[in-house]
Amino acid sequence: MSSELIKETFPLKLAPDLKRELPCVTLSGTDKQIASFVMLGHVKLNHKCAKLLIDRIRSEGLLDEFDMLVTIEA
């Protein structure tokens, strides 16, 4: 596995004002890499994702169809 092909971080851009560099890790026994992060406790990220989600639901004309939206963390 060539070290030039390995990215140390993965740029995550959720919005123009919300960018993160996620660390990449190699999956054991493979040459595959993943970048992951935990949203729990990340207030700015959760707020931005909620706004983007509600904007999308509104644009689809579904906002009045629901009282609550429930998602899972893990």
PDB file of N, CA and C in Angstrom:
ATOM      1  N   MET A   1       0.856  -1.175   0.000  1.00  0.00           N
ATOM      2  CA  MET A   1       0.000   0.000   0.000  1.00  0.00           C
ATOM      3  C   MET A   1       0.900   1.235   0.000  1.00  0.00           C
ATOM      4  N   SER A   2       0.693   2.091  -0.961  1.00  0.00           N
ATOM      5  CA  SER A   2       1.530   3.275  -1.118  1.00  0.00           C
ATOM      6  C   SER A   2       1.071   4.388  -0.184  1.00  0.00           C
ATOM      7  N   SER A   3       2.001   4.991   0.529  1.00  0.00           N
ATOM      8  CA  SER A   3       1.626   6.035   1.487  1.00  0.00           C
ATOM      9  C   SER A   3       1.136   7.304   0.788  1.00  0.00           C
ATOM     10  N   GLU A   4       1.474   7.503  -0.515  1.00  0.00           N
ATOM     11  CA  GLU A   4       0.969   8.683  -1.212  1.00  0.00           C
ATOM     12  C   GLU A   4      -0.540   8.601  -1.422  1.00  0.00           C
ATOM     13  N   LEU A   5      -1.096   7.415  -1.460  1.00  0.00           N
ATOM     14  CA  LEU A   5      -2.516   7.237  -1.719  1.00  0.00           C
ATOM     15  C   LEU A   5      -3.359   7.408  -0.462  1.00  0.00           C
ATOM     16  N   ILE A   6      -2.733   7.419   0.698  1.00  0.00           N
ATOM     17  CA  ILE A   6      -3.451   7.495   1.960  1.00  0.00           C
ATOM     18  C   ILE A   6      -3.693   8.957   2.319  1.00  0.00           C
ATOM     19  N   LYS A   7      -4.972   9.300   2.550  1.00  0.00           N
ATOM     20  CA  LYS A   7      -5.292  10.645   3.005  1.00  0.00           C
ATOM     21  C   LYS A   7      -5.270  10.643   4.525  1.00  0.00           C
ATOM     22  N   GLU A   8      -4.676  11.629   5.101  1.00  0.00           N
ATOM     23  CA  GLU A   8      -4.632  11.731   6.558  1.00  0.00           C
ATOM     24  C   GLU A   8      -5.955  12.236   7.127  1.00  0.00           C
ATOM     25  N   THR A   9      -6.617  13.125   6.374  1.00  0.00           N
ATOM     26  CA  THR A   9      -7.908  13.660   6.813  1.00  0.00           C
ATOM     27  C   THR A   9      -8.868  13.701   5.634  1.00  0.00           C
ATOM     28  N   PHE A  10     -10.147  13.814   5.962  1.00  0.00           N
ATOM     29  CA  PHE A  10     -11.192  13.943   4.946  1.00  0.00           C
ATOM     30  C   PHE A  10     -11.938  15.238   5.218  1.00  0.00           C
ATOM     31  N   PRO A  11     -12.021  16.138   4.232  1.00  0.00           N
ATOM     32  CA  PRO A  11     -12.734  17.397   4.456  1.00  0.00           C
ATOM     33  C   PRO A  11     -14.246  17.184   4.380  1.00  0.00           C
ATOM     34  N   LEU A  12     -14.944  17.536   5.424  1.00  0.00           N
ATOM     35  CA  LEU A  12     -16.398  17.448   5.475  1.00  0.00           C
ATOM     36  C   LEU A  12     -16.953  18.863   5.409  1.00  0.00           C
ATOM     37  N   LYS A  13     -17.730  19.149   4.377  1.00  0.00           N
ATOM     38  CA  LYS A  13     -18.323  20.479   4.227  1.00  0.00           C
ATOM     39  C   LYS A  13     -19.838  20.323   4.207  1.00  0.00           C
ATOM     40  N   LEU A  14     -20.487  20.729   5.292  1.00  0.00           N
ATOM     41  CA  LEU A  14     -21.941  20.637   5.393  1.00  0.00           C
ATOM     42  C   LEU A  14     -22.616  21.916   4.928  1.00  0.00           C
ATOM     43  N   ALA A  15     -21.923  23.006   5.017  1.00  0.00           N
ATOM     44  CA  ALA A  15     -22.429  24.311   4.613  1.00  0.00           C
ATOM     45  C   ALA A  15     -21.213  25.224   4.461  1.00  0.00           C
ATOM     46  N   PRO A  16     -21.383  26.361   3.791  1.00  0.00           N
ATOM     47  CA  PRO A  16     -20.227  27.257   3.619  1.00  0.00           C
ATOM     48  C   PRO A  16     -19.565  27.654   4.942  1.00  0.00           C
ATOM     49  N   ASP A  17     -20.358  27.740   6.004  1.00  0.00           N
ATOM     50  CA  ASP A  17     -19.810  28.159   7.299  1.00  0.00           C
ATOM     51  C   ASP A  17     -19.564  27.004   8.263  1.00  0.00           C
ATOM     52  N   LEU A  18     -19.640  25.761   7.777  1.00  0.00           N
ATOM     53  CA  LEU A  18     -19.430  24.616   8.666  1.00  0.00           C
ATOM     54  C   LEU A  18     -18.605  23.546   7.958  1.00  0.00           C
ATOM     55  N   LYS A  19     -17.322  23.547   8.275  1.00  0.00           N
ATOM     56  CA  LYS A  19     -16.379  22.605   7.675  1.00  0.00           C
ATOM     57  C   LYS A  19     -15.588  21.934   8.786  1.00  0.00           C
ATOM     58  N   ARG A  20     -15.266  20.681   8.576  1.00  0.00           N
ATOM     59  CA  ARG A  20     -14.446  19.939   9.531  1.00  0.00           C
ATOM     60  C   ARG A  20     -13.461  19.070   8.766  1.00  0.00           C
ATOM     61  N   GLU A  21     -12.305  18.832   9.334  1.00  0.00           N
ATOM     62  CA  GLU A  21     -11.338  17.878   8.805  1.00  0.00           C
ATOM     63  C   GLU A  21     -11.433  16.632   9.679  1.00  0.00           C
ATOM     64  N   LEU A  22     -11.906  15.539   9.100  1.00  0.00           N
ATOM     65  CA  LEU A  22     -12.072  14.301   9.855  1.00  0.00           C
ATOM     66  C   LEU A  22     -10.848  13.414   9.689  1.00  0.00           C
ATOM     67  N   PRO A  23     -10.372  12.828  10.774  1.00  0.00           N
ATOM     68  CA  PRO A  23      -9.226  11.927  10.656  1.00  0.00           C
ATOM     69  C   PRO A  23      -9.636  10.639   9.938  1.00  0.00           C
ATOM     70  N   CYS A  24      -8.765  10.168   9.069  1.00  0.00           N
ATOM     71  CA  CYS A  24      -8.996   8.902   8.373  1.00  0.00           C
ATOM     72  C   CYS A  24      -8.278   7.786   9.111  1.00  0.00           C
ATOM     73  N   VAL A  25      -8.939   6.646   9.207  1.00  0.00           N
ATOM     74  CA  VAL A  25      -8.320   5.474   9.822  1.00  0.00           C
ATOM     75  C   VAL A  25      -8.424   4.312   8.843  1.00  0.00           C
ATOM     76  N   THR A  26      -7.411   3.471   8.850  1.00  0.00           N
ATOM     77  CA  THR A  26      -7.393   2.302   7.983  1.00  0.00           C
ATOM     78  C   THR A  26      -8.081   1.148   8.692  1.00  0.00           C
ATOM     79  N   LEU A  27      -8.988   0.485   7.970  1.00  0.00           N
ATOM     80  CA  LEU A  27      -9.675  -0.675   8.529  1.00  0.00           C
ATOM     81  C   LEU A  27      -8.687  -1.829   8.643  1.00  0.00           C
ATOM     82  N   SER A  28      -8.683  -2.459   9.777  1.00  0.00           N
ATOM     83  CA  SER A  28      -7.739  -3.527  10.072  1.00  0.00           C
ATOM     84  C   SER A  28      -7.778  -4.627   9.009  1.00  0.00           C
ATOM     85  N   GLY A  29      -6.606  -5.003   8.541  1.00  0.00           N
ATOM     86  CA  GLY A  29      -6.484  -6.086   7.579  1.00  0.00           C
ATOM     87  C   GLY A  29      -6.832  -5.709   6.149  1.00  0.00           C
ATOM     88  N   THR A  30      -7.056  -4.418   5.893  1.00  0.00           N
ATOM     89  CA  THR A  30      -7.407  -3.971   4.538  1.00  0.00           C
ATOM     90  C   THR A  30      -6.584  -2.739   4.188  1.00  0.00           C
ATOM     91  N   ASP A  31      -6.768  -2.286   2.958  1.00  0.00           N
ATOM     92  CA  ASP A  31      -6.166  -1.005   2.562  1.00  0.00           C
ATOM     93  C   ASP A  31      -7.245   0.066   2.466  1.00  0.00           C
ATOM     94  N   LYS A  32      -8.430  -0.235   3.003  1.00  0.00           N
ATOM     95  CA  LYS A  32      -9.550   0.706   2.964  1.00  0.00           C
ATOM     96  C   LYS A  32      -9.513   1.638   4.167  1.00  0.00           C
ATOM     97  N   GLN A  33      -9.914   2.890   3.916  1.00  0.00           N
ATOM     98  CA  GLN A  33      -9.943   3.888   4.971  1.00  0.00           C
ATOM     99  C   GLN A  33     -11.340   4.455   5.127  1.00  0.00           C
ATOM    100  N   ILE A  34     -11.643   4.866   6.340  1.00  0.00           N
ATOM    101  CA  ILE A  34     -12.900   5.551   6.612  1.00  0.00           C
ATOM    102  C   ILE A  34     -12.613   6.795   7.446  1.00  0.00           C
ATOM    103  N   ALA A  35     -13.528   7.739   7.354  1.00  0.00           N
ATOM    104  CA  ALA A  35     -13.485   8.924   8.203  1.00  0.00           C
ATOM    105  C   ALA A  35     -14.828   8.972   8.910  1.00  0.00           C
ATOM    106  N   SER A  36     -14.807   9.097  10.219  1.00  0.00           N
ATOM    107  CA  SER A  36     -16.077   9.161  10.937  1.00  0.00           C
ATOM    108  C   SER A  36     -15.971  10.162  12.068  1.00  0.00           C
ATOM    109  N   PHE A  37     -17.128  10.528  12.592  1.00  0.00           N
ATOM    110  CA  PHE A  37     -17.164  11.481  13.687  1.00  0.00           C
ATOM    111  C   PHE A  37     -18.433  11.244  14.486  1.00  0.00           C
ATOM    112  N   VAL A  38     -18.484  11.805  15.663  1.00  0.00           N
ATOM    113  CA  VAL A  38     -19.643  11.681  16.547  1.00  0.00           C
ATOM    114  C   VAL A  38     -20.318  13.045  16.637  1.00  0.00           C
ATOM    115  N   MET A  39     -21.624  13.078  16.378  1.00  0.00           N
ATOM    116  CA  MET A  39     -22.370  14.339  16.455  1.00  0.00           C
ATOM    117  C   MET A  39     -22.796  14.656  17.880  1.00  0.00           C
ATOM    118  N   LEU A  40     -22.827  13.659  18.733  1.00  0.00           N
ATOM    119  CA  LEU A  40     -23.266  13.842  20.109  1.00  0.00           C
ATOM    120  C   LEU A  40     -22.414  14.908  20.793  1.00  0.00           C
ATOM    121  N   GLY A  41     -23.059  15.946  21.292  1.00  0.00           N
ATOM    122  CA  GLY A  41     -22.351  17.013  21.979  1.00  0.00           C
ATOM    123  C   GLY A  41     -21.792  18.089  21.062  1.00  0.00           C
ATOM    124  N   HIS A  42     -21.946  17.929  19.771  1.00  0.00           N
ATOM    125  CA  HIS A  42     -21.431  18.915  18.828  1.00  0.00           C
ATOM    126  C   HIS A  42     -22.586  19.859  18.463  1.00  0.00           C
ATOM    127  N   VAL A  43     -22.782  20.890  19.276  1.00  0.00           N
ATOM    128  CA  VAL A  43     -23.955  21.758  19.192  1.00  0.00           C
ATOM    129  C   VAL A  43     -24.076  22.449  17.835  1.00  0.00           C
ATOM    130  N   LYS A  44     -23.005  23.056  17.355  1.00  0.00           N
ATOM    131  CA  LYS A  44     -23.069  23.789  16.089  1.00  0.00           C
ATOM    132  C   LYS A  44     -23.421  22.846  14.933  1.00  0.00           C
ATOM    133  N   LEU A  45     -22.806  21.681  14.912  1.00  0.00           N
ATOM    134  CA  LEU A  45     -23.072  20.714  13.850  1.00  0.00           C
ATOM    135  C   LEU A  45     -24.522  20.221  13.900  1.00  0.00           C
ATOM    136  N   ASN A  46     -25.018  19.896  15.083  1.00  0.00           N
ATOM    137  CA  ASN A  46     -26.403  19.443  15.229  1.00  0.00           C
ATOM    138  C   ASN A  46     -27.392  20.533  14.825  1.00  0.00           C
ATOM    139  N   HIS A  47     -27.125  21.764  15.231  1.00  0.00           N
ATOM    140  CA  HIS A  47     -28.006  22.874  14.887  1.00  0.00           C
ATOM    141  C   HIS A  47     -28.047  23.094  13.377  1.00  0.00           C
ATOM    142  N   LYS A  48     -26.888  23.074  12.737  1.00  0.00           N
ATOM    143  CA  LYS A  48     -26.820  23.272  11.285  1.00  0.00           C
ATOM    144  C   LYS A  48     -27.527  22.135  10.549  1.00  0.00           C
ATOM    145  N   CYS A  49     -27.307  20.902  10.967  1.00  0.00           N
ATOM    146  CA  CYS A  49     -27.973  19.764  10.314  1.00  0.00           C
ATOM    147  C   CYS A  49     -29.484  19.831  10.502  1.00  0.00           C
ATOM    148  N   ALA A  50     -29.945  20.220  11.680  1.00  0.00           N
ATOM    149  CA  ALA A  50     -31.381  20.351  11.928  1.00  0.00           C
ATOM    150  C   ALA A  50     -31.982  21.421  11.019  1.00  0.00           C
ATOM    151  N   LYS A  51     -31.276  22.540  10.863  1.00  0.00           N
ATOM    152  CA  LYS A  51     -31.778  23.606   9.991  1.00  0.00           C
ATOM    153  C   LYS A  51     -31.843  23.146   8.542  1.00  0.00           C
ATOM    154  N   LEU A  52     -30.797  22.480   8.070  1.00  0.00           N
ATOM    155  CA  LEU A  52     -30.794  21.974   6.698  1.00  0.00           C
ATOM    156  C   LEU A  52     -31.918  20.953   6.490  1.00  0.00           C
ATOM    157  N   LEU A  53     -32.134  20.103   7.474  1.00  0.00           N
ATOM    158  CA  LEU A  53     -33.190  19.103   7.380  1.00  0.00           C
ATOM    159  C   LEU A  53     -34.571  19.751   7.356  1.00  0.00           C
ATOM    160  N   ILE A  54     -34.812  20.711   8.220  1.00  0.00           N
ATOM    161  CA  ILE A  54     -36.126  21.369   8.256  1.00  0.00           C
ATOM    162  C   ILE A  54     -36.355  22.181   6.976  1.00  0.00           C
ATOM    163  N   ASP A  55     -35.302  22.794   6.440  1.00  0.00           N
ATOM    164  CA  ASP A  55     -35.435  23.517   5.168  1.00  0.00           C
ATOM    165  C   ASP A  55     -35.830  22.561   4.047  1.00  0.00           C
ATOM    166  N   ARG A  56     -35.241  21.375   4.047  1.00  0.00           N
ATOM    167  CA  ARG A  56     -35.566  20.375   3.014  1.00  0.00           C
ATOM    168  C   ARG A  56     -36.998  19.874   3.174  1.00  0.00           C
ATOM    169  N   ILE A  57     -37.406  19.596   4.413  1.00  0.00           N
ATOM    170  CA  ILE A  57     -38.777  19.138   4.668  1.00  0.00           C
ATOM    171  C   ILE A  57     -39.773  20.217   4.246  1.00  0.00           C
ATOM    172  N   ARG A  58     -39.449  21.462   4.554  1.00  0.00           N
ATOM    173  CA  ARG A  58     -40.312  22.587   4.153  1.00  0.00           C
ATOM    174  C   ARG A  58     -40.397  22.698   2.631  1.00  0.00           C
ATOM    175  N   SER A  59     -39.268  22.579   1.943  1.00  0.00           N
ATOM    176  CA  SER A  59     -39.261  22.706   0.479  1.00  0.00           C
ATOM    177  C   SER A  59     -40.045  21.595  -0.207  1.00  0.00           C
ATOM    178  N   GLU A  60     -40.165  20.440   0.464  1.00  0.00           N
ATOM    179  CA  GLU A  60     -40.936  19.325  -0.082  1.00  0.00           C
ATOM    180  C   GLU A  60     -42.421  19.431   0.269  1.00  0.00           C
ATOM    181  N   GLY A  61     -42.795  20.488   1.031  1.00  0.00           N
ATOM    182  CA  GLY A  61     -44.184  20.680   1.412  1.00  0.00           C
ATOM    183  C   GLY A  61     -44.661  19.730   2.493  1.00  0.00           C
ATOM    184  N   LEU A  62     -43.744  19.212   3.282  1.00  0.00           N
ATOM    185  CA  LEU A  62     -44.090  18.206   4.295  1.00  0.00           C
ATOM    186  C   LEU A  62     -44.092  18.737   5.723  1.00  0.00           C
ATOM    187  N   LEU A  63     -43.751  19.991   5.921  1.00  0.00           N
ATOM    188  CA  LEU A  63     -43.585  20.520   7.266  1.00  0.00           C
ATOM    189  C   LEU A  63     -44.855  20.398   8.110  1.00  0.00           C
ATOM    190  N   ASP A  64     -46.019  20.609   7.512  1.00  0.00           N
ATOM    191  CA  ASP A  64     -47.273  20.537   8.264  1.00  0.00           C
ATOM    192  C   ASP A  64     -47.774  19.109   8.466  1.00  0.00           C
ATOM    193  N   GLU A  65     -47.085  18.137   7.900  1.00  0.00           N
ATOM    194  CA  GLU A  65     -47.510  16.742   7.997  1.00  0.00           C
ATOM    195  C   GLU A  65     -47.045  16.067   9.295  1.00  0.00           C
ATOM    196  N   PHE A  66     -46.091  16.674   9.991  1.00  0.00           N
ATOM    197  CA  PHE A  66     -45.490  16.033  11.160  1.00  0.00           C
ATOM    198  C   PHE A  66     -45.482  16.966  12.362  1.00  0.00           C
ATOM    199  N   ASP A  67     -45.643  16.375  13.541  1.00  0.00           N
ATOM    200  CA  ASP A  67     -45.496  17.125  14.787  1.00  0.00           C
ATOM    201  C   ASP A  67     -44.074  17.012  15.324  1.00  0.00           C
ATOM    202  N   MET A  68     -43.406  15.902  14.988  1.00  0.00           N
ATOM    203  CA  MET A  68     -42.094  15.634  15.564  1.00  0.00           C
ATOM    204  C   MET A  68     -41.294  14.762  14.605  1.00  0.00           C
ATOM    205  N   LEU A  69     -39.995  14.945  14.597  1.00  0.00           N
ATOM    206  CA  LEU A  69     -39.087  14.108  13.820  1.00  0.00           C
ATOM    207  C   LEU A  69     -38.110  13.477  14.809  1.00  0.00           C
ATOM    208  N   VAL A  70     -38.013  12.178  14.798  1.00  0.00           N
ATOM    209  CA  VAL A  70     -37.133  11.453  15.704  1.00  0.00           C
ATOM    210  C   VAL A  70     -36.072  10.728  14.880  1.00  0.00           C
ATOM    211  N   THR A  71     -34.814  10.874  15.281  1.00  0.00           N
ATOM    212  CA  THR A  71     -33.726  10.171  14.597  1.00  0.00           C
ATOM    213  C   THR A  71     -32.870   9.477  15.645  1.00  0.00           C
ATOM    214  N   ILE A  72     -31.963   8.644  15.198  1.00  0.00           N
ATOM    215  CA  ILE A  72     -31.066   7.957  16.123  1.00  0.00           C
ATOM    216  C   ILE A  72     -29.664   8.538  16.009  1.00  0.00           C
ATOM    217  N   GLU A  73     -28.907   8.443  17.066  1.00  0.00           N
ATOM    218  CA  GLU A  73     -27.538   8.949  17.072  1.00  0.00           C
ATOM    219  C   GLU A  73     -26.569   7.897  16.550  1.00  0.00           C
ATOM    220  N   ALA A  74     -26.724   6.678  16.972  1.00  0.00           N
ATOM    221  CA  ALA A  74     -25.730   5.656  16.586  1.00  0.00           C
ATOM    222  C   ALA A  74     -26.386   4.515  15.867  1.00  0.00           C
TER     223      ALA A  74
END
